[in-house]
């Protein structure tokens, strides 16, 4: 749900980052809109101005605007927020208008926009409009192109959206702290011609990473490598909503990466083409079929597909430790280690809650329900119609169904598989019998150590 708060007397704190028209300086600051739900909100259709097909922000929402003499006016409020990563874990972040990431700003190519930014943080801030072509004084680099926005003050940015595409906004002040605390959001600029680059469903989300110790609430802002929470729009599985798609729709997925590492995002069951970056649209002649797209740090990738294969299809980062929650980096590997009852008994005397595990892999952890510290999540979790899903972090589903209404984004529940289309157990013999039934055994060649008179030349 979205609520509103009025800023009474805020005009007294208005500061211009560049010389604006007299009308802009005299205008009252528009009302600020706030979000209180971490669930994906319905697309925000334009109430005025040019028509466009709005985006759906995964576990997020789009920021309403007001039209003032032909200019779209938005109001962002930088503030401390509490973001639920998934049921059972909330993190204290910095964000905009009640959430982190902040709301998506949608506009149309050629729109003139005026964006008011109120700072309620305990330190100065600024906003950079990543990928937007604009005058230098509106670029938002504190100390270089503008003064810092002091706590309690409101600055205004005004520029024209010259090109369509997918862009970002994020802090450009005390970046190490403020980026690590979640000050970021997305910008989508639609083509002036609504038929250009048109799709039926258009999704957007950001990639971000955090290091939050179990039992705590604030990320470690100085961490650079050992993160333990890998998020889609500051949610982790099982808290990430599915991307609900109507069968045979043309679908676009826009992904922005403001984490500290790259993420190869893989979609099961379909091929797609990468159609855009934060530098604009990719010409058709340069597009290639893919099933995985790598999203480097500080960039955006948008891909498109025809959703012609019904089912519940995984969408996830292909770095396997990015699909886990609160992963410990100092765990020992016990695969193949037999923990005899005698050893377990000895350890239990020293550690009463010790449980022998890991000798045959870590999958068993997903089905255990061991108590953990407050404000923490299991490393692997989730339950599907066939058992434990054993995932976390950057993992969700694209749910493709026939019979959905045009703007129906409600979770349709588990996929109903047609009879005879699910992998199943084979009956009638031991694995050894099945392995060699009808296949002549061959003797494996003897391995020879390298460096003893046998050399290959390339």
Protein backbone atom coordinates (compact mmCIF):
# COMPACT_ATOMS: atom_id res chain seq x y z
CA UNK A 1 0.00 0.00 0.00
CA UNK A 2 1.12 3.57 -0.62
CA UNK A 3 0.54 6.41 1.80
CA UNK A 4 1.34 10.11 1.62
CA UNK A 5 2.85 12.66 3.94
CA UNK A 6 2.66 16.38 3.40
CA UNK A 7 5.72 18.49 3.93
CA UNK A 8 4.38 21.59 5.69
CA UNK A 9 6.54 24.62 5.22
CA UNK A 10 9.16 22.69 3.27
CA UNK A 11 9.40 25.43 0.66
CA UNK A 12 11.55 27.39 3.10
CA UNK A 13 14.26 24.76 2.73
CA UNK A 14 14.23 24.71 -1.08
CA UNK A 15 17.68 25.11 -2.62
CA UNK A 16 18.33 25.15 -6.38
CA UNK A 17 21.24 23.16 -7.82
CA UNK A 18 21.23 25.36 -10.91
CA UNK A 19 19.55 28.52 -12.14
CA UNK A 20 15.91 27.56 -12.71
CA UNK A 21 12.97 29.49 -14.04
CA UNK A 22 11.12 31.84 -11.72
CA UNK A 23 8.11 29.56 -11.91
CA UNK A 24 10.14 26.60 -10.57
CA UNK A 25 11.60 28.61 -7.74
CA UNK A 26 8.19 29.89 -6.74
CA UNK A 27 6.43 26.52 -7.02
CA UNK A 28 5.45 24.63 -3.92
CA UNK A 29 7.14 21.31 -3.33
CA UNK A 30 4.91 18.43 -4.48
CA UNK A 31 3.56 15.96 -2.00
CA UNK A 32 5.82 13.00 -1.22
CA UNK A 33 4.39 9.51 -1.77
CA UNK A 34 5.48 6.61 0.42
CA UNK A 35 5.35 2.81 0.21
CA UNK A 36 4.66 0.63 3.22
CA UNK A 37 4.53 -2.82 1.57
CA UNK A 38 7.41 -4.93 0.28
CA UNK A 39 5.10 -6.70 -2.17
CA UNK A 40 5.17 -6.00 -5.90
CA UNK A 41 2.72 -3.18 -6.64
CA UNK A 42 0.53 -2.99 -9.77
CA UNK A 43 1.92 -0.97 -12.69
CA UNK A 44 1.23 2.78 -12.48
CA UNK A 45 -0.56 3.80 -15.66
CA UNK A 46 -0.06 7.44 -16.68
CA UNK A 47 -2.89 9.74 -15.58
CA UNK A 48 -1.70 12.55 -17.84
CA UNK A 49 0.96 13.25 -20.45
CA UNK A 50 1.99 10.86 -23.23
CA UNK A 51 0.78 7.27 -23.16
CA UNK A 52 3.15 4.39 -22.38
CA UNK A 53 3.07 0.81 -21.13
CA UNK A 54 4.26 1.02 -17.47
CA UNK A 55 6.83 -1.25 -15.86
CA UNK A 56 6.35 -3.56 -12.91
CA UNK A 57 9.10 -3.16 -10.30
CA UNK A 58 9.79 -6.47 -8.60
CA UNK A 59 8.92 -6.06 -4.91
CA UNK A 60 8.65 -2.35 -5.53
CA UNK A 61 6.56 0.43 -7.07
CA UNK A 62 6.64 3.49 -9.34
CA UNK A 63 6.63 7.04 -8.01
CA UNK A 64 3.54 9.15 -8.81
CA UNK A 65 4.08 12.64 -10.18
CA UNK A 66 2.12 15.83 -10.70
CA UNK A 67 2.03 17.88 -13.91
CA UNK A 68 2.95 21.53 -13.43
CA UNK A 69 2.75 23.69 -16.58
CA UNK A 70 4.01 20.91 -18.81
CA UNK A 71 6.69 19.65 -16.39
CA UNK A 72 6.45 16.33 -14.53
CA UNK A 73 7.32 16.89 -10.87
CA UNK A 74 8.52 14.12 -8.57
CA UNK A 75 9.50 14.23 -4.91
CA UNK A 76 12.13 11.89 -3.44
CA UNK A 77 12.83 11.81 0.30
CA UNK A 78 16.17 10.32 1.42
CA UNK A 79 15.60 8.71 4.82
CA UNK A 80 16.28 5.79 7.14
CA UNK A 81 14.05 2.83 6.29
CA UNK A 82 13.42 -0.72 7.48
CA UNK A 83 13.40 -3.24 4.65
CA UNK A 84 12.16 -6.80 5.07
CA UNK A 85 14.52 -9.02 3.07
CA UNK A 86 12.20 -12.01 3.62
CA UNK A 87 9.79 -13.02 6.40
CA UNK A 88 11.91 -13.35 9.52
CA UNK A 89 14.59 -10.81 8.62
CA UNK A 90 14.45 -7.00 8.52
CA UNK A 91 17.41 -4.74 7.77
CA UNK A 92 17.91 -1.11 8.72
CA UNK A 93 18.88 0.73 5.53
CA UNK A 94 18.81 4.15 3.96
CA UNK A 95 16.41 4.60 1.08
CA UNK A 96 13.83 6.85 -0.52
CA UNK A 97 10.14 7.32 0.27
CA UNK A 98 9.89 4.47 2.74
CA UNK A 99 11.84 1.78 0.90
CA UNK A 100 15.20 0.67 -0.42
CA UNK A 101 15.63 0.63 -3.33
CA UNK A 102 13.57 3.76 -3.83
CA UNK A 103 10.57 3.89 -6.16
CA UNK A 104 11.06 3.63 -9.91
CA UNK A 105 10.79 6.95 -11.76
CA UNK A 106 8.95 6.58 -15.08
CA UNK A 107 8.89 9.23 -17.79
CA UNK A 108 8.68 9.52 -21.57
CA UNK A 109 11.36 10.50 -24.04
CA UNK A 110 11.22 14.28 -24.38
CA UNK A 111 9.57 14.85 -21.01
CA UNK A 112 10.76 17.77 -18.93
CA UNK A 113 11.08 16.64 -15.32
CA UNK A 114 11.60 18.46 -12.05
CA UNK A 115 12.73 16.20 -9.19
CA UNK A 116 12.73 17.53 -5.62
CA UNK A 117 15.03 15.73 -3.19
CA UNK A 118 14.53 16.19 0.55
CA UNK A 119 17.30 14.94 2.83
CA UNK A 120 16.22 13.60 6.24
CA UNK A 121 19.40 11.54 6.72
CA UNK A 122 21.86 12.37 9.50
CA UNK A 123 24.51 13.46 6.96
CA UNK A 124 24.62 15.37 3.65
CA UNK A 125 23.75 13.55 0.42
CA UNK A 126 23.17 14.09 -3.32
CA UNK A 127 21.66 12.16 -6.24
CA UNK A 128 23.36 11.20 -9.50
CA UNK A 129 21.15 10.35 -12.49
CA UNK A 130 23.12 7.41 -13.86
CA UNK A 131 23.02 7.19 -17.68
CA UNK A 132 20.85 10.29 -18.18
CA UNK A 133 22.14 12.91 -20.65
CA UNK A 134 21.70 16.26 -18.89
CA UNK A 135 23.41 19.59 -18.12
CA UNK A 136 26.54 19.27 -15.99
CA UNK A 137 25.05 21.21 -13.08
CA UNK A 138 22.29 18.61 -12.72
CA UNK A 139 24.59 15.56 -12.64
CA UNK A 140 24.53 15.27 -8.84
CA UNK A 141 28.21 14.80 -8.00
CA UNK A 142 28.50 16.49 -4.62
CA UNK A 143 31.40 18.93 -4.41
CA UNK A 144 31.97 18.88 -8.18
CA UNK A 145 28.70 19.83 -9.86
CA UNK A 146 26.67 20.96 -6.84
CA UNK A 147 26.85 21.54 -3.09
CA UNK A 148 25.98 18.64 -0.80
CA UNK A 149 22.33 18.53 0.26
CA UNK A 150 22.46 19.20 4.02
CA UNK A 151 20.18 17.33 6.43
CA UNK A 152 16.76 18.95 6.56
CA UNK A 153 17.10 20.69 3.19
CA UNK A 154 15.44 20.15 -0.20
CA UNK A 155 17.22 20.55 -3.54
CA UNK A 156 15.59 20.48 -6.97
CA UNK A 157 16.92 19.02 -10.22
CA UNK A 158 15.42 19.92 -13.60
CA UNK A 159 16.27 18.44 -16.99
CA UNK A 160 14.82 16.87 -20.13
CA UNK A 161 14.70 13.12 -20.71
CA UNK A 162 16.48 13.20 -24.07
CA UNK A 163 16.64 9.46 -24.76
CA UNK A 164 14.52 6.45 -23.90
CA UNK A 165 15.96 3.45 -22.04
CA UNK A 166 16.73 2.11 -18.58
CA UNK A 167 18.75 4.16 -16.11
CA UNK A 168 19.42 4.51 -12.36
CA UNK A 169 19.62 7.08 -9.61
CA UNK A 170 21.94 6.75 -6.64
CA UNK A 171 23.81 8.80 -4.09
CA UNK A 172 27.06 10.52 -5.06
CA UNK A 173 28.02 11.65 -1.57
CA UNK A 174 29.91 9.51 0.98
CA UNK A 175 29.34 6.68 -1.49
CA UNK A 176 31.05 3.93 0.49
CA UNK A 177 28.52 4.35 3.29
CA UNK A 178 25.44 5.56 1.45
CA UNK A 179 25.55 3.04 -1.41
CA UNK A 180 26.21 0.24 1.09
CA UNK A 181 23.15 1.43 3.01
CA UNK A 182 20.87 1.18 -0.04
CA UNK A 183 20.48 4.71 -1.52
CA UNK A 184 19.52 3.73 -5.07
CA UNK A 185 16.59 3.35 -7.46
CA UNK A 186 15.68 2.85 -11.12
CA UNK A 187 14.62 5.20 -13.91
CA UNK A 188 12.66 4.01 -16.95
CA UNK A 189 12.23 6.40 -19.88
CA UNK A 190 9.69 5.12 -22.39
CA UNK A 191 9.90 5.88 -26.12
CA UNK A 192 7.79 8.80 -27.32
CA UNK A 193 6.19 6.41 -29.83
CA UNK A 194 4.40 3.85 -27.60
CA UNK A 195 4.71 1.20 -30.34
CA UNK A 196 8.50 1.45 -30.42
CA UNK A 197 10.19 -1.30 -28.37
CA UNK A 198 6.73 -2.35 -27.17
CA UNK A 199 6.32 -5.42 -24.99
CA UNK A 200 3.35 -6.95 -23.19
CA UNK A 201 5.00 -7.21 -19.75
CA UNK A 202 7.91 -5.11 -18.56
CA UNK A 203 9.75 -5.92 -15.31
CA UNK A 204 12.55 -4.04 -13.52
CA UNK A 205 14.70 -4.73 -10.47
CA UNK A 206 18.10 -3.94 -8.94
CA UNK A 207 20.91 -6.19 -7.74
CA UNK A 208 22.54 -5.33 -4.40
CA UNK A 209 24.60 -7.16 -1.78
CA UNK A 210 25.01 -6.74 1.97
CA UNK A 211 26.91 -8.19 4.88
CA UNK A 212 24.55 -8.48 7.85
CA UNK A 213 25.72 -10.57 10.79
CA UNK A 214 23.06 -12.97 12.14
CA UNK A 215 21.18 -11.31 14.98
CA UNK A 216 22.02 -7.78 13.81
CA UNK A 217 20.11 -5.24 11.71
CA UNK A 218 22.62 -2.88 10.07
CA UNK A 219 24.92 -3.84 7.16
CA UNK A 220 28.69 -3.61 7.50
CA UNK A 221 29.32 -0.62 5.27
CA UNK A 222 33.10 -1.20 4.97
CA UNK A 223 32.75 -4.73 3.57
CA UNK A 224 34.08 -5.14 0.02
CA UNK A 225 34.07 -8.88 -0.75
CA UNK A 226 32.53 -11.19 1.88
CA UNK A 227 28.83 -10.44 1.52
CA UNK A 228 26.21 -12.84 2.86
CA UNK A 229 22.93 -11.39 1.54
CA UNK A 230 22.45 -11.37 -2.24
CA UNK A 231 19.29 -9.52 -3.25
CA UNK A 232 16.85 -8.81 -6.07
CA UNK A 233 15.51 -5.35 -5.20
CA UNK A 234 16.65 -5.84 -1.59
CA UNK A 235 14.69 -9.07 -1.17
CA UNK A 236 16.06 -12.61 -0.92
CA UNK A 237 14.40 -15.92 -1.68
CA UNK A 238 11.83 -16.93 -0.50
CA UNK A 239 10.82 -13.27 -0.11
CA UNK A 240 11.17 -12.39 -3.81
CA UNK A 241 7.88 -12.29 -5.71
CA UNK A 242 7.56 -14.28 -8.95
CA UNK A 243 7.46 -12.62 -12.35
CA UNK A 244 3.94 -13.54 -13.50
CA UNK A 245 3.59 -13.74 -17.28
CA UNK A 246 0.79 -14.60 -19.68
CA UNK A 247 1.59 -17.37 -22.19
CA UNK A 248 2.98 -16.02 -25.49
CA UNK A 249 3.45 -12.51 -24.14
CA UNK A 250 6.55 -10.61 -25.20
CA UNK A 251 8.41 -9.88 -21.97
CA UNK A 252 11.20 -7.47 -21.06
CA UNK A 253 13.30 -7.78 -17.89
CA UNK A 254 15.47 -4.77 -16.91
CA UNK A 255 18.23 -5.50 -14.36
CA UNK A 256 20.46 -2.85 -12.75
CA UNK A 257 23.55 -3.85 -10.76
CA UNK A 258 24.84 -1.63 -7.94
CA UNK A 259 26.46 -4.45 -5.98
CA UNK A 260 30.22 -5.02 -5.68
CA UNK A 261 30.47 -7.89 -8.18
CA UNK A 262 29.05 -9.09 -11.49
CA UNK A 263 26.03 -11.41 -11.69
CA UNK A 264 25.34 -13.89 -14.53
CA UNK A 265 21.53 -13.98 -14.53
CA UNK A 266 20.10 -17.18 -16.03
CA UNK A 267 16.53 -17.91 -17.12
CA UNK A 268 15.45 -21.53 -17.48
CA UNK A 269 13.30 -22.82 -20.33
CA UNK A 270 13.75 -19.92 -22.78
CA UNK A 271 16.22 -18.12 -24.98
CA UNK A 272 16.27 -14.33 -25.04
CA UNK A 273 18.10 -11.40 -26.61
CA UNK A 274 19.77 -8.56 -24.74
CA UNK A 275 18.13 -5.41 -26.09
CA UNK A 276 19.39 -2.59 -23.88
CA UNK A 277 22.03 -1.23 -21.50
CA UNK A 278 22.30 1.94 -19.44
CA UNK A 279 23.68 3.49 -22.65
CA UNK A 280 20.50 2.88 -24.64
CA UNK A 281 18.95 0.32 -26.97
CA UNK A 282 21.11 -2.28 -28.75
CA UNK A 283 20.55 -2.41 -32.54
CA UNK A 284 18.98 -5.65 -33.75
CA UNK A 285 22.06 -6.37 -35.85
CA UNK A 286 24.14 -6.55 -32.64
CA UNK A 287 21.77 -8.73 -30.58
CA UNK A 288 22.62 -12.37 -29.88
CA UNK A 289 20.53 -15.24 -28.50
CA UNK A 290 21.31 -15.98 -24.87
CA UNK A 291 19.98 -17.87 -21.88
CA UNK A 292 22.32 -16.12 -19.41
CA UNK A 293 23.27 -12.45 -19.30
CA UNK A 294 26.16 -11.15 -17.22
CA UNK A 295 25.34 -7.86 -15.50
CA UNK A 296 28.59 -6.07 -14.59
CA UNK A 297 28.93 -3.66 -11.67
CA UNK A 298 27.44 -0.24 -12.30
CA UNK A 299 25.54 -1.27 -15.42
CA UNK A 300 22.08 -2.25 -16.65
CA UNK A 301 21.07 -5.08 -18.95
CA UNK A 302 17.60 -5.47 -20.43
CA UNK A 303 16.58 -8.66 -22.19
CA UNK A 304 13.46 -9.71 -24.08
CA UNK A 305 11.79 -13.03 -24.83
CA UNK A 306 8.56 -14.54 -26.04
CA UNK A 307 7.11 -16.51 -23.12
CA UNK A 308 5.95 -19.50 -25.19
CA UNK A 309 6.87 -22.28 -22.76
CA UNK A 310 4.43 -22.58 -19.82
CA UNK A 311 5.65 -23.51 -16.36
CA UNK A 312 7.51 -22.27 -13.29
CA UNK A 313 10.93 -21.30 -14.66
CA UNK A 314 13.83 -20.43 -12.37
CA UNK A 315 15.43 -16.99 -12.75
CA UNK A 316 18.62 -16.67 -10.72
CA UNK A 317 22.25 -15.64 -10.49
CA UNK A 318 24.43 -18.49 -11.71
CA UNK A 319 27.10 -17.94 -9.07
CA UNK A 320 25.95 -20.72 -6.77
CA UNK A 321 26.87 -18.95 -3.52
CA UNK A 322 24.68 -16.02 -4.61
CA UNK A 323 21.61 -18.25 -4.28
CA UNK A 324 22.13 -18.80 -0.57
CA UNK A 325 21.25 -16.74 2.51
CA UNK A 326 23.53 -15.76 5.39
CA UNK A 327 26.25 -18.04 4.09
CA UNK A 328 29.21 -18.57 6.40
CA UNK A 329 32.54 -18.21 4.60
CA UNK A 330 34.56 -20.29 7.08
CA UNK A 331 32.60 -23.55 6.95
CA UNK A 332 34.67 -26.70 6.69
CA UNK A 333 33.91 -29.32 4.03
CA UNK A 334 32.94 -32.72 5.49
CA UNK A 335 31.89 -34.47 2.29
CA UNK A 336 33.04 -38.09 2.54
CA UNK A 337 33.93 -37.79 6.23
CA UNK A 338 32.30 -40.51 8.31
CA UNK A 339 31.36 -39.14 11.71
CA UNK A 340 31.12 -42.21 13.88
CA UNK A 341 28.77 -42.30 16.89
CA UNK A 342 31.81 -42.23 19.16
CA UNK A 343 33.09 -38.99 17.60
CA UNK A 344 29.63 -37.40 17.65
CA UNK A 345 29.23 -38.31 21.33
CA UNK A 346 32.58 -36.73 22.19
CA UNK A 347 31.78 -33.52 20.32
CA UNK A 348 28.30 -33.34 21.85
CA UNK A 349 29.83 -33.28 25.34
CA UNK A 350 31.63 -30.08 24.36
CA UNK A 351 28.90 -28.63 22.10
CA UNK A 352 25.48 -29.81 23.36
CA UNK A 353 23.58 -28.61 20.24
CA UNK A 354 26.01 -30.25 17.77
CA UNK A 355 24.39 -32.13 14.88
CA UNK A 356 26.44 -34.31 12.51
CA UNK A 357 25.85 -33.09 8.96
CA UNK A 358 27.55 -32.30 5.68
CA UNK A 359 29.20 -35.68 5.06
CA UNK A 360 26.98 -36.27 2.02
CA UNK A 361 26.42 -32.64 0.99
CA UNK A 362 24.50 -29.65 2.35
CA UNK A 363 21.06 -30.37 0.89
CA UNK A 364 19.83 -31.82 4.17
CA UNK A 365 20.04 -28.34 5.70
CA UNK A 366 17.08 -27.20 3.58
CA UNK A 367 14.73 -29.70 5.23
CA UNK A 368 15.96 -29.03 8.78
CA UNK A 369 14.28 -26.42 10.93
CA UNK A 370 17.03 -25.69 13.40
CA UNK A 371 16.61 -22.55 15.50
CA UNK A 372 18.85 -19.67 14.47
CA UNK A 373 19.74 -16.24 15.83
CA UNK A 374 17.12 -13.52 15.84
CA UNK A 375 16.72 -11.64 12.56
CA UNK A 376 18.36 -14.27 10.38
CA UNK A 377 17.33 -16.67 7.62
CA UNK A 378 18.23 -20.28 6.80
CA UNK A 379 21.12 -20.64 4.38
CA UNK A 380 18.99 -22.76 2.03
CA UNK A 381 15.22 -22.70 2.17
CA UNK A 382 11.95 -22.78 0.27
CA UNK A 383 9.44 -25.57 -0.28
CA UNK A 384 7.98 -26.55 -3.63
CA UNK A 385 5.31 -29.05 -4.64
CA UNK A 386 7.98 -31.77 -4.93
CA UNK A 387 10.00 -31.00 -1.80
CA UNK A 388 12.69 -28.61 -0.55
CA UNK A 389 13.87 -26.05 -3.10
CA UNK A 390 17.23 -25.55 -1.33
CA UNK A 391 17.76 -21.99 -2.51
CA UNK A 392 18.11 -18.47 -1.14
CA UNK A 393 19.48 -15.11 -2.22
CA UNK A 394 19.11 -14.18 -5.90
CA UNK A 395 16.47 -16.72 -6.91
CA UNK A 396 12.88 -16.42 -8.04
CA UNK A 397 10.50 -17.87 -10.64
CA UNK A 398 9.01 -16.66 -13.88
CA UNK A 399 5.52 -18.16 -13.81
CA UNK A 400 4.11 -18.47 -17.31
CA UNK A 401 0.42 -19.34 -17.61
CA UNK A 402 -2.34 -19.35 -20.19
CA UNK A 403 -5.64 -17.67 -19.41
CA UNK A 404 -4.29 -14.69 -17.44
CA UNK A 405 -5.89 -11.29 -17.89
CA UNK A 406 -3.80 -8.57 -19.51
CA UNK A 407 -2.87 -6.84 -16.24
CA UNK A 408 -3.10 -9.85 -13.92
CA UNK A 409 0.14 -10.12 -11.91
CA UNK A 410 -1.21 -12.21 -9.01
CA UNK A 411 0.77 -15.34 -8.12
CA UNK A 412 -1.10 -18.20 -9.85
CA UNK A 413 0.33 -20.82 -7.48
CA UNK A 414 2.31 -23.94 -8.45
CA UNK A 415 2.27 -25.05 -12.08
CA UNK A 416 -0.08 -27.92 -12.91
CA UNK A 417 2.05 -30.30 -14.96
CA UNK A 418 0.36 -32.21 -17.80
CA UNK A 419 0.25 -35.96 -17.17
CA UNK A 420 3.45 -37.75 -18.07
CA UNK A 421 5.66 -34.64 -18.24
CA UNK A 422 7.47 -34.86 -14.88
CA UNK A 423 10.76 -36.71 -14.40
CA UNK A 424 10.17 -39.79 -12.23
CA UNK A 425 11.86 -42.78 -10.66
CA UNK A 426 12.61 -45.81 -12.84
CA UNK A 427 11.57 -49.15 -11.36
CA UNK A 428 13.06 -52.56 -12.03
CA UNK A 429 16.63 -52.99 -11.00
CA UNK A 430 19.55 -51.79 -8.96
CA UNK A 431 21.66 -48.88 -10.14
CA UNK A 432 24.44 -51.35 -10.98
CA UNK A 433 22.09 -53.44 -13.13
CA UNK A 434 20.71 -50.41 -14.92
CA UNK A 435 24.17 -48.99 -15.49
CA UNK A 436 25.45 -51.99 -17.38
CA UNK A 437 22.30 -53.54 -18.82
CA UNK A 438 23.02 -54.14 -22.51
CA UNK A 439 26.30 -52.24 -22.37
CA UNK A 440 29.59 -54.11 -22.65
CA UNK A 441 32.03 -53.28 -19.90
CA UNK A 442 35.26 -51.72 -21.06
CA UNK A 443 38.46 -51.51 -19.10
CA UNK A 444 39.47 -48.02 -18.21
CA UNK A 445 42.90 -47.00 -19.49
CA UNK A 446 45.64 -46.77 -16.92
CA UNK A 447 46.39 -43.21 -15.97
CA UNK A 448 49.97 -42.13 -16.51
CA UNK A 449 51.59 -39.40 -14.47
CA UNK A 450 52.50 -36.34 -16.45
CA UNK A 451 56.12 -35.44 -17.10
CA UNK A 452 57.49 -38.97 -17.72
CA UNK A 453 58.45 -38.99 -21.35
CA UNK A 454 55.01 -38.22 -22.81
CA UNK A 455 54.61 -34.74 -24.19
CA UNK A 456 51.93 -33.14 -26.28
CA UNK A 457 52.76 -30.49 -28.84
CA UNK A 458 50.25 -27.76 -29.76
